[in-house]
């Protein structure tokens, strides 16, 4: 199991970004959350088996969201063992 914290920069708020990410998560065995940040970025925290997390992150950057993303900053974190499912957080 691995965990990743990802910050997306660009025009990522007000375009359905979080809802699309949650929809994409259904296709992978991952747990986590996605939320808007006050500075205009979107934060994603995700954990799962390495190939599932990597596939999910690639699916985000290859989806129609691609045109809204200007930058991606990825950091390793501890797996989110206390979480179940994938949610949009406030």
PDB file of N, CA and C in Angstrom:
ATOM      1  N   UNK A   1       0.854  -1.190   0.000  1.00  0.00           N
ATOM      2  CA  UNK A   1       0.000   0.000   0.000  1.00  0.00           C
ATOM      3  C   UNK A   1       0.892   1.243   0.000  1.00  0.00           C
ATOM      4  N   UNK A   2       0.459   2.225  -0.812  1.00  0.00           N
ATOM      5  CA  UNK A   2       1.141   3.511  -0.837  1.00  0.00           C
ATOM      6  C   UNK A   2       0.109   4.619  -0.679  1.00  0.00           C
ATOM      7  N   UNK A   3       0.582   5.791  -0.336  1.00  0.00           N
ATOM      8  CA  UNK A   3      -0.273   6.962  -0.238  1.00  0.00           C
ATOM      9  C   UNK A   3       0.363   8.119  -0.978  1.00  0.00           C
ATOM     10  N   UNK A   4      -0.455   8.959  -1.572  1.00  0.00           N
ATOM     11  CA  UNK A   4       0.022  10.139  -2.280  1.00  0.00           C
ATOM     12  C   UNK A   4      -0.873  11.326  -1.954  1.00  0.00           C
ATOM     13  N   UNK A   5      -0.237  12.471  -1.792  1.00  0.00           N
ATOM     14  CA  UNK A   5      -0.941  13.745  -1.681  1.00  0.00           C
ATOM     15  C   UNK A   5      -0.569  14.513  -2.949  1.00  0.00           C
ATOM     16  N   UNK A   6      -1.594  14.946  -3.677  1.00  0.00           N
ATOM     17  CA  UNK A   6      -1.369  15.613  -4.959  1.00  0.00           C
ATOM     18  C   UNK A   6      -2.069  16.959  -4.945  1.00  0.00           C
ATOM     19  N   UNK A   7      -1.352  17.982  -5.388  1.00  0.00           N
ATOM     20  CA  UNK A   7      -1.926  19.310  -5.528  1.00  0.00           C
ATOM     21  C   UNK A   7      -2.019  19.627  -7.016  1.00  0.00           C
ATOM     22  N   UNK A   8      -3.225  19.973  -7.471  1.00  0.00           N
ATOM     23  CA  UNK A   8      -3.453  20.361  -8.857  1.00  0.00           C
ATOM     24  C   UNK A   8      -3.630  21.863  -8.921  1.00  0.00           C
ATOM     25  N   UNK A   9      -2.909  22.482  -9.829  1.00  0.00           N
ATOM     26  CA  UNK A   9      -2.965  23.925 -10.017  1.00  0.00           C
ATOM     27  C   UNK A   9      -3.480  24.207 -11.423  1.00  0.00           C
ATOM     28  N   UNK A  10      -4.114  25.335 -11.584  1.00  0.00           N
ATOM     29  CA  UNK A  10      -4.670  25.730 -12.885  1.00  0.00           C
ATOM     30  C   UNK A  10      -6.089  26.206 -12.691  1.00  0.00           C
ATOM     31  N   UNK A  11      -6.911  25.971 -13.698  1.00  0.00           N
ATOM     32  CA  UNK A  11      -8.340  26.301 -13.575  1.00  0.00           C
ATOM     33  C   UNK A  11      -9.063  25.035 -13.118  1.00  0.00           C
ATOM     34  N   UNK A  12      -8.858  24.708 -11.846  1.00  0.00           N
ATOM     35  CA  UNK A  12      -9.329  23.429 -11.320  1.00  0.00           C
ATOM     36  C   UNK A  12     -10.494  23.566 -10.341  1.00  0.00           C
ATOM     37  N   UNK A  13     -10.955  24.772 -10.105  1.00  0.00           N
ATOM     38  CA  UNK A  13     -12.136  24.970  -9.273  1.00  0.00           C
ATOM     39  C   UNK A  13     -13.240  25.569 -10.127  1.00  0.00           C
ATOM     40  N   UNK A  14     -14.467  25.145  -9.871  1.00  0.00           N
ATOM     41  CA  UNK A  14     -15.606  25.657 -10.624  1.00  0.00           C
ATOM     42  C   UNK A  14     -15.808  25.008 -11.979  1.00  0.00           C
ATOM     43  N   UNK A  15     -15.124  23.880 -12.207  1.00  0.00           N
ATOM     44  CA  UNK A  15     -15.241  23.193 -13.497  1.00  0.00           C
ATOM     45  C   UNK A  15     -15.650  21.726 -13.333  1.00  0.00           C
ATOM     46  N   UNK A  16     -16.082  21.340 -12.133  1.00  0.00           N
ATOM     47  CA  UNK A  16     -16.483  19.957 -11.883  1.00  0.00           C
ATOM     48  C   UNK A  16     -15.312  19.024 -11.639  1.00  0.00           C
ATOM     49  N   UNK A  17     -14.158  19.581 -11.316  1.00  0.00           N
ATOM     50  CA  UNK A  17     -12.938  18.797 -11.132  1.00  0.00           C
ATOM     51  C   UNK A  17     -13.104  17.723 -10.064  1.00  0.00           C
ATOM     52  N   UNK A  18     -13.587  18.102  -8.879  1.00  0.00           N
ATOM     53  CA  UNK A  18     -13.714  17.140  -7.776  1.00  0.00           C
ATOM     54  C   UNK A  18     -14.700  16.023  -8.118  1.00  0.00           C
ATOM     55  N   UNK A  19     -15.789  16.368  -8.783  1.00  0.00           N
ATOM     56  CA  UNK A  19     -16.796  15.362  -9.122  1.00  0.00           C
ATOM     57  C   UNK A  19     -16.265  14.384 -10.165  1.00  0.00           C
ATOM     58  N   UNK A  20     -15.486  14.873 -11.116  1.00  0.00           N
ATOM     59  CA  UNK A  20     -14.891  13.998 -12.122  1.00  0.00           C
ATOM     60  C   UNK A  20     -13.854  13.077 -11.479  1.00  0.00           C
ATOM     61  N   UNK A  21     -13.048  13.618 -10.550  1.00  0.00           N
ATOM     62  CA  UNK A  21     -12.053  12.800  -9.854  1.00  0.00           C
ATOM     63  C   UNK A  21     -12.753  11.696  -9.065  1.00  0.00           C
ATOM     64  N   UNK A  22     -13.826  12.031  -8.369  1.00  0.00           N
ATOM     65  CA  UNK A  22     -14.570  11.015  -7.617  1.00  0.00           C
ATOM     66  C   UNK A  22     -15.127   9.949  -8.563  1.00  0.00           C
ATOM     67  N   UNK A  23     -15.625  10.367  -9.700  1.00  0.00           N
ATOM     68  CA  UNK A  23     -16.142   9.422 -10.688  1.00  0.00           C
ATOM     69  C   UNK A  23     -15.033   8.500 -11.199  1.00  0.00           C
ATOM     70  N   UNK A  24     -13.868   9.062 -11.482  1.00  0.00           N
ATOM     71  CA  UNK A  24     -12.738   8.248 -11.949  1.00  0.00           C
ATOM     72  C   UNK A  24     -12.292   7.256 -10.875  1.00  0.00           C
ATOM     73  N   UNK A  25     -12.379   7.644  -9.608  1.00  0.00           N
ATOM     74  CA  UNK A  25     -11.946   6.777  -8.508  1.00  0.00           C
ATOM     75  C   UNK A  25     -12.749   5.482  -8.467  1.00  0.00           C
ATOM     76  N   UNK A  26     -13.981   5.508  -8.959  1.00  0.00           N
ATOM     77  CA  UNK A  26     -14.818   4.296  -8.950  1.00  0.00           C
ATOM     78  C   UNK A  26     -14.204   3.169  -9.773  1.00  0.00           C
ATOM     79  N   UNK A  27     -13.350   3.519 -10.727  1.00  0.00           N
ATOM     80  CA  UNK A  27     -12.729   2.509 -11.577  1.00  0.00           C
ATOM     81  C   UNK A  27     -11.462   1.905 -11.000  1.00  0.00           C
ATOM     82  N   UNK A  28     -11.091   2.311  -9.797  1.00  0.00           N
ATOM     83  CA  UNK A  28      -9.848   1.856  -9.179  1.00  0.00           C
ATOM     84  C   UNK A  28     -10.110   1.463  -7.730  1.00  0.00           C
ATOM     85  N   UNK A  29      -9.297   0.571  -7.222  1.00  0.00           N
ATOM     86  CA  UNK A  29      -9.411   0.181  -5.815  1.00  0.00           C
ATOM     87  C   UNK A  29      -8.533   1.112  -4.990  1.00  0.00           C
ATOM     88  N   UNK A  30      -9.051   2.326  -4.789  1.00  0.00           N
ATOM     89  CA  UNK A  30      -8.337   3.342  -4.016  1.00  0.00           C
ATOM     90  C   UNK A  30      -9.277   3.935  -2.981  1.00  0.00           C
ATOM     91  N   UNK A  31      -8.698   4.493  -1.938  1.00  0.00           N
ATOM     92  CA  UNK A  31      -9.448   5.253  -0.954  1.00  0.00           C
ATOM     93  C   UNK A  31      -8.849   6.644  -0.906  1.00  0.00           C
ATOM     94  N   UNK A  32      -9.661   7.605  -0.498  1.00  0.00           N
ATOM     95  CA  UNK A  32      -9.110   8.942  -0.383  1.00  0.00           C
ATOM     96  C   UNK A  32     -10.156  10.020  -0.407  1.00  0.00           C
ATOM     97  N   UNK A  33      -9.654  11.223  -0.681  1.00  0.00           N
ATOM     98  CA  UNK A  33     -10.528  12.392  -0.716  1.00  0.00           C
ATOM     99  C   UNK A  33      -9.958  13.428  -1.667  1.00  0.00           C
ATOM    100  N   UNK A  34     -10.835  14.298  -2.105  1.00  0.00           N
ATOM    101  CA  UNK A  34     -10.451  15.417  -2.956  1.00  0.00           C
ATOM    102  C   UNK A  34     -11.163  16.651  -2.419  1.00  0.00           C
ATOM    103  N   UNK A  35     -10.455  17.789  -2.391  1.00  0.00           N
ATOM    104  CA  UNK A  35     -11.069  19.010  -1.864  1.00  0.00           C
ATOM    105  C   UNK A  35     -10.458  20.248  -2.507  1.00  0.00           C
ATOM    106  N   UNK A  36     -11.264  21.310  -2.547  1.00  0.00           N
ATOM    107  CA  UNK A  36     -10.782  22.615  -2.985  1.00  0.00           C
ATOM    108  C   UNK A  36      -9.988  23.249  -1.853  1.00  0.00           C
ATOM    109  N   UNK A  37      -8.964  23.998  -2.204  1.00  0.00           N
ATOM    110  CA  UNK A  37      -8.178  24.747  -1.236  1.00  0.00           C
ATOM    111  C   UNK A  37      -8.442  26.241  -1.419  1.00  0.00           C
ATOM    112  N   UNK A  38      -8.289  27.030  -0.362  1.00  0.00           N
ATOM    113  CA  UNK A  38      -8.556  28.470  -0.451  1.00  0.00           C
ATOM    114  C   UNK A  38      -7.679  29.197  -1.476  1.00  0.00           C
ATOM    115  N   UNK A  39      -6.505  28.650  -1.794  1.00  0.00           N
ATOM    116  CA  UNK A  39      -5.599  29.313  -2.737  1.00  0.00           C
ATOM    117  C   UNK A  39      -5.904  29.005  -4.203  1.00  0.00           C
ATOM    118  N   UNK A  40      -7.002  28.279  -4.461  1.00  0.00           N
ATOM    119  CA  UNK A  40      -7.412  27.984  -5.838  1.00  0.00           C
ATOM    120  C   UNK A  40      -6.961  26.639  -6.354  1.00  0.00           C
ATOM    121  N   UNK A  41      -6.135  25.933  -5.591  1.00  0.00           N
ATOM    122  CA  UNK A  41      -5.714  24.595  -6.006  1.00  0.00           C
ATOM    123  C   UNK A  41      -6.719  23.554  -5.524  1.00  0.00           C
ATOM    124  N   UNK A  42      -6.549  22.331  -6.016  1.00  0.00           N
ATOM    125  CA  UNK A  42      -7.317  21.183  -5.535  1.00  0.00           C
ATOM    126  C   UNK A  42      -6.325  20.202  -4.936  1.00  0.00           C
ATOM    127  N   UNK A  43      -6.665  19.683  -3.752  1.00  0.00           N
ATOM    128  CA  UNK A  43      -5.832  18.684  -3.086  1.00  0.00           C
ATOM    129  C   UNK A  43      -6.493  17.320  -3.202  1.00  0.00           C
ATOM    130  N   UNK A  44      -5.686  16.323  -3.512  1.00  0.00           N
ATOM    131  CA  UNK A  44      -6.120  14.930  -3.581  1.00  0.00           C
ATOM    132  C   UNK A  44      -5.249  14.132  -2.628  1.00  0.00           C
ATOM    133  N   UNK A  45      -5.871  13.320  -1.792  1.00  0.00           N
ATOM    134  CA  UNK A  45      -5.149  12.349  -0.976  1.00  0.00           C
ATOM    135  C   UNK A  45      -5.688  10.984  -1.369  1.00  0.00           C
ATOM    136  N   UNK A  46      -4.794  10.077  -1.708  1.00  0.00           N
ATOM    137  CA  UNK A  46      -5.228   8.776  -2.204  1.00  0.00           C
ATOM    138  C   UNK A  46      -4.279   7.699  -1.713  1.00  0.00           C
ATOM    139  N   UNK A  47      -4.827   6.514  -1.466  1.00  0.00           N
ATOM    140  CA  UNK A  47      -3.984   5.373  -1.123  1.00  0.00           C
ATOM    141  C   UNK A  47      -4.571   4.105  -1.728  1.00  0.00           C
ATOM    142  N   UNK A  48      -3.696   3.127  -1.872  1.00  0.00           N
ATOM    143  CA  UNK A  48      -4.065   1.847  -2.454  1.00  0.00           C
ATOM    144  C   UNK A  48      -2.807   1.131  -2.890  1.00  0.00           C
ATOM    145  N   UNK A  49      -2.983   0.036  -3.595  1.00  0.00           N
ATOM    146  CA  UNK A  49      -1.824  -0.656  -4.155  1.00  0.00           C
ATOM    147  C   UNK A  49      -1.166   0.267  -5.183  1.00  0.00           C
ATOM    148  N   UNK A  50       0.138   0.150  -5.324  1.00  0.00           N
ATOM    149  CA  UNK A  50       0.888   1.079  -6.162  1.00  0.00           C
ATOM    150  C   UNK A  50       0.315   1.198  -7.574  1.00  0.00           C
ATOM    151  N   UNK A  51       0.014   0.072  -8.224  1.00  0.00           N
ATOM    152  CA  UNK A  51      -0.478   0.121  -9.598  1.00  0.00           C
ATOM    153  C   UNK A  51      -1.866   0.772  -9.680  1.00  0.00           C
ATOM    154  N   UNK A  52      -2.674   0.614  -8.650  1.00  0.00           N
ATOM    155  CA  UNK A  52      -4.003   1.238  -8.632  1.00  0.00           C
ATOM    156  C   UNK A  52      -3.869   2.761  -8.484  1.00  0.00           C
ATOM    157  N   UNK A  53      -3.019   3.199  -7.549  1.00  0.00           N
ATOM    158  CA  UNK A  53      -2.815   4.637  -7.343  1.00  0.00           C
ATOM    159  C   UNK A  53      -2.213   5.277  -8.591  1.00  0.00           C
ATOM    160  N   UNK A  54      -1.193   4.658  -9.151  1.00  0.00           N
ATOM    161  CA  UNK A  54      -0.552   5.213 -10.342  1.00  0.00           C
ATOM    162  C   UNK A  54      -1.521   5.264 -11.520  1.00  0.00           C
ATOM    163  N   UNK A  55      -2.313   4.225 -11.691  1.00  0.00           N
ATOM    164  CA  UNK A  55      -3.304   4.208 -12.772  1.00  0.00           C
ATOM    165  C   UNK A  55      -4.355   5.284 -12.588  1.00  0.00           C
ATOM    166  N   UNK A  56      -4.810   5.467 -11.355  1.00  0.00           N
ATOM    167  CA  UNK A  56      -5.803   6.494 -11.043  1.00  0.00           C
ATOM    168  C   UNK A  56      -5.250   7.891 -11.326  1.00  0.00           C
ATOM    169  N   UNK A  57      -4.039   8.165 -10.861  1.00  0.00           N
ATOM    170  CA  UNK A  57      -3.444   9.485 -11.095  1.00  0.00           C
ATOM    171  C   UNK A  57      -3.230   9.745 -12.584  1.00  0.00           C
ATOM    172  N   UNK A  58      -2.841   8.724 -13.317  1.00  0.00           N
ATOM    173  CA  UNK A  58      -2.675   8.877 -14.763  1.00  0.00           C
ATOM    174  C   UNK A  58      -4.026   9.118 -15.438  1.00  0.00           C
ATOM    175  N   UNK A  59      -5.059   8.429 -14.974  1.00  0.00           N
ATOM    176  CA  UNK A  59      -6.393   8.622 -15.545  1.00  0.00           C
ATOM    177  C   UNK A  59      -6.862  10.061 -15.360  1.00  0.00           C
ATOM    178  N   UNK A  60      -6.539  10.667 -14.221  1.00  0.00           N
ATOM    179  CA  UNK A  60      -6.927  12.065 -13.984  1.00  0.00           C
ATOM    180  C   UNK A  60      -6.248  12.970 -15.003  1.00  0.00           C
ATOM    181  N   UNK A  61      -4.926  12.813 -15.162  1.00  0.00           N
ATOM    182  CA  UNK A  61      -4.194  13.715 -16.060  1.00  0.00           C
ATOM    183  C   UNK A  61      -4.468  13.440 -17.533  1.00  0.00           C
ATOM    184  N   UNK A  62      -5.013  12.278 -17.851  1.00  0.00           N
ATOM    185  CA  UNK A  62      -5.341  11.963 -19.247  1.00  0.00           C
ATOM    186  C   UNK A  62      -6.820  12.179 -19.567  1.00  0.00           C
ATOM    187  N   UNK A  63      -7.622  12.534 -18.571  1.00  0.00           N
ATOM    188  CA  UNK A  63      -9.060  12.752 -18.778  1.00  0.00           C
ATOM    189  C   UNK A  63      -9.302  14.141 -19.370  1.00  0.00           C
ATOM    190  N   UNK A  64     -10.565  14.489 -19.513  1.00  0.00           N
ATOM    191  CA  UNK A  64     -10.903  15.828 -20.007  1.00  0.00           C
ATOM    192  C   UNK A  64     -10.466  16.930 -19.050  1.00  0.00           C
ATOM    193  N   UNK A  65     -10.065  16.552 -17.835  1.00  0.00           N
ATOM    194  CA  UNK A  65      -9.549  17.532 -16.869  1.00  0.00           C
ATOM    195  C   UNK A  65      -8.176  18.056 -17.275  1.00  0.00           C
ATOM    196  N   UNK A  66      -7.521  17.344 -18.156  1.00  0.00           N
ATOM    197  CA  UNK A  66      -6.170  17.690 -18.603  1.00  0.00           C
ATOM    198  C   UNK A  66      -6.041  19.154 -19.011  1.00  0.00           C
ATOM    199  N   UNK A  67      -7.035  19.671 -19.696  1.00  0.00           N
ATOM    200  CA  UNK A  67      -6.968  21.046 -20.186  1.00  0.00           C
ATOM    201  C   UNK A  67      -7.065  22.079 -19.069  1.00  0.00           C
ATOM    202  N   UNK A  68      -7.517  21.672 -17.896  1.00  0.00           N
ATOM    203  CA  UNK A  68      -7.652  22.591 -16.761  1.00  0.00           C
ATOM    204  C   UNK A  68      -6.428  22.582 -15.848  1.00  0.00           C
ATOM    205  N   UNK A  69      -5.582  21.567 -15.995  1.00  0.00           N
ATOM    206  CA  UNK A  69      -4.441  21.388 -15.096  1.00  0.00           C
ATOM    207  C   UNK A  69      -3.213  22.088 -15.655  1.00  0.00           C
ATOM    208  N   UNK A  70      -2.654  23.001 -14.865  1.00  0.00           N
ATOM    209  CA  UNK A  70      -1.426  23.692 -15.252  1.00  0.00           C
ATOM    210  C   UNK A  70      -0.215  23.084 -14.538  1.00  0.00           C
ATOM    211  N   UNK A  71      -0.415  22.582 -13.344  1.00  0.00           N
ATOM    212  CA  UNK A  71       0.687  21.995 -12.590  1.00  0.00           C
ATOM    213  C   UNK A  71       0.209  20.900 -11.668  1.00  0.00           C
ATOM    214  N   UNK A  72       1.084  19.929 -11.417  1.00  0.00           N
ATOM    215  CA  UNK A  72       0.793  18.809 -10.526  1.00  0.00           C
ATOM    216  C   UNK A  72       1.986  18.647  -9.597  1.00  0.00           C
ATOM    217  N   UNK A  73       1.727  18.628  -8.294  1.00  0.00           N
ATOM    218  CA  UNK A  73       2.771  18.475  -7.287  1.00  0.00           C
ATOM    219  C   UNK A  73       2.420  17.253  -6.439  1.00  0.00           C
ATOM    220  N   UNK A  74       3.230  16.202  -6.511  1.00  0.00           N
ATOM    221  CA  UNK A  74       2.938  14.920  -5.860  1.00  0.00           C
ATOM    222  C   UNK A  74       3.902  14.686  -4.700  1.00  0.00           C
ATOM    223  N   UNK A  75       3.344  14.268  -3.554  1.00  0.00           N
ATOM    224  CA  UNK A  75       4.147  13.968  -2.369  1.00  0.00           C
ATOM    225  C   UNK A  75       3.730  12.619  -1.805  1.00  0.00           C
ATOM    226  N   UNK A  76       4.688  11.786  -1.376  1.00  0.00           N
ATOM    227  CA  UNK A  76       4.323  10.538  -0.698  1.00  0.00           C
ATOM    228  C   UNK A  76       3.776  10.830   0.696  1.00  0.00           C
ATOM    229  N   UNK A  77       2.758  10.091   1.083  1.00  0.00           N
ATOM    230  CA  UNK A  77       2.194  10.166   2.437  1.00  0.00           C
ATOM    231  C   UNK A  77       1.929   8.737   2.906  1.00  0.00           C
ATOM    232  N   UNK A  78       1.660   8.599   4.185  1.00  0.00           N
ATOM    233  CA  UNK A  78       1.291   7.288   4.719  1.00  0.00           C
ATOM    234  C   UNK A  78      -0.058   6.881   4.134  1.00  0.00           C
ATOM    235  N   UNK A  79      -0.261   5.598   3.867  1.00  0.00           N
ATOM    236  CA  UNK A  79      -1.569   5.156   3.383  1.00  0.00           C
ATOM    237  C   UNK A  79      -2.682   5.581   4.335  1.00  0.00           C
ATOM    238  N   UNK A  80      -3.836   5.875   3.766  1.00  0.00           N
ATOM    239  CA  UNK A  80      -4.990   6.356   4.526  1.00  0.00           C
ATOM    240  C   UNK A  80      -5.769   5.173   5.078  1.00  0.00           C
ATOM    241  N   UNK A  81      -5.185   4.484   6.042  1.00  0.00           N
ATOM    242  CA  UNK A  81      -5.779   3.245   6.551  1.00  0.00           C
ATOM    243  C   UNK A  81      -7.102   3.460   7.271  1.00  0.00           C
ATOM    244  N   UNK A  82      -7.336   4.662   7.788  1.00  0.00           N
ATOM    245  CA  UNK A  82      -8.585   4.924   8.513  1.00  0.00           C
ATOM    246  C   UNK A  82      -9.755   5.247   7.590  1.00  0.00           C
ATOM    247  N   UNK A  83      -9.484   5.446   6.306  1.00  0.00           N
ATOM    248  CA  UNK A  83     -10.544   5.837   5.364  1.00  0.00           C
ATOM    249  C   UNK A  83     -11.115   4.628   4.645  1.00  0.00           C
ATOM    250  N   UNK A  84     -12.384   4.757   4.268  1.00  0.00           N
ATOM    251  CA  UNK A  84     -13.060   3.766   3.433  1.00  0.00           C
ATOM    252  C   UNK A  84     -13.709   4.536   2.288  1.00  0.00           C
ATOM    253  N   UNK A  85     -13.529   4.064   1.077  1.00  0.00           N
ATOM    254  CA  UNK A  85     -14.140   4.712  -0.065  1.00  0.00           C
ATOM    255  C   UNK A  85     -13.401   5.974  -0.488  1.00  0.00           C
ATOM    256  N   UNK A  86     -14.047   6.731  -1.342  1.00  0.00           N
ATOM    257  CA  UNK A  86     -13.461   7.962  -1.872  1.00  0.00           C
ATOM    258  C   UNK A  86     -14.510   9.053  -1.750  1.00  0.00           C
ATOM    259  N   UNK A  87     -14.133  10.201  -1.222  1.00  0.00           N
ATOM    260  CA  UNK A  87     -15.125  11.249  -0.962  1.00  0.00           C
ATOM    261  C   UNK A  87     -14.629  12.627  -1.372  1.00  0.00           C
ATOM    262  N   UNK A  88     -15.596  13.503  -1.550  1.00  0.00           N
ATOM    263  CA  UNK A  88     -15.327  14.920  -1.742  1.00  0.00           C
ATOM    264  C   UNK A  88     -15.416  15.551  -0.364  1.00  0.00           C
ATOM    265  N   UNK A  89     -14.326  16.169   0.071  1.00  0.00           N
ATOM    266  CA  UNK A  89     -14.279  16.785   1.401  1.00  0.00           C
ATOM    267  C   UNK A  89     -14.448  18.292   1.275  1.00  0.00           C
ATOM    268  N   UNK A  90     -14.859  18.902   2.367  1.00  0.00           N
ATOM    269  CA  UNK A  90     -15.013  20.360   2.353  1.00  0.00           C
ATOM    270  C   UNK A  90     -13.799  21.015   2.964  1.00  0.00           C
TER     271      UNK A  90
END
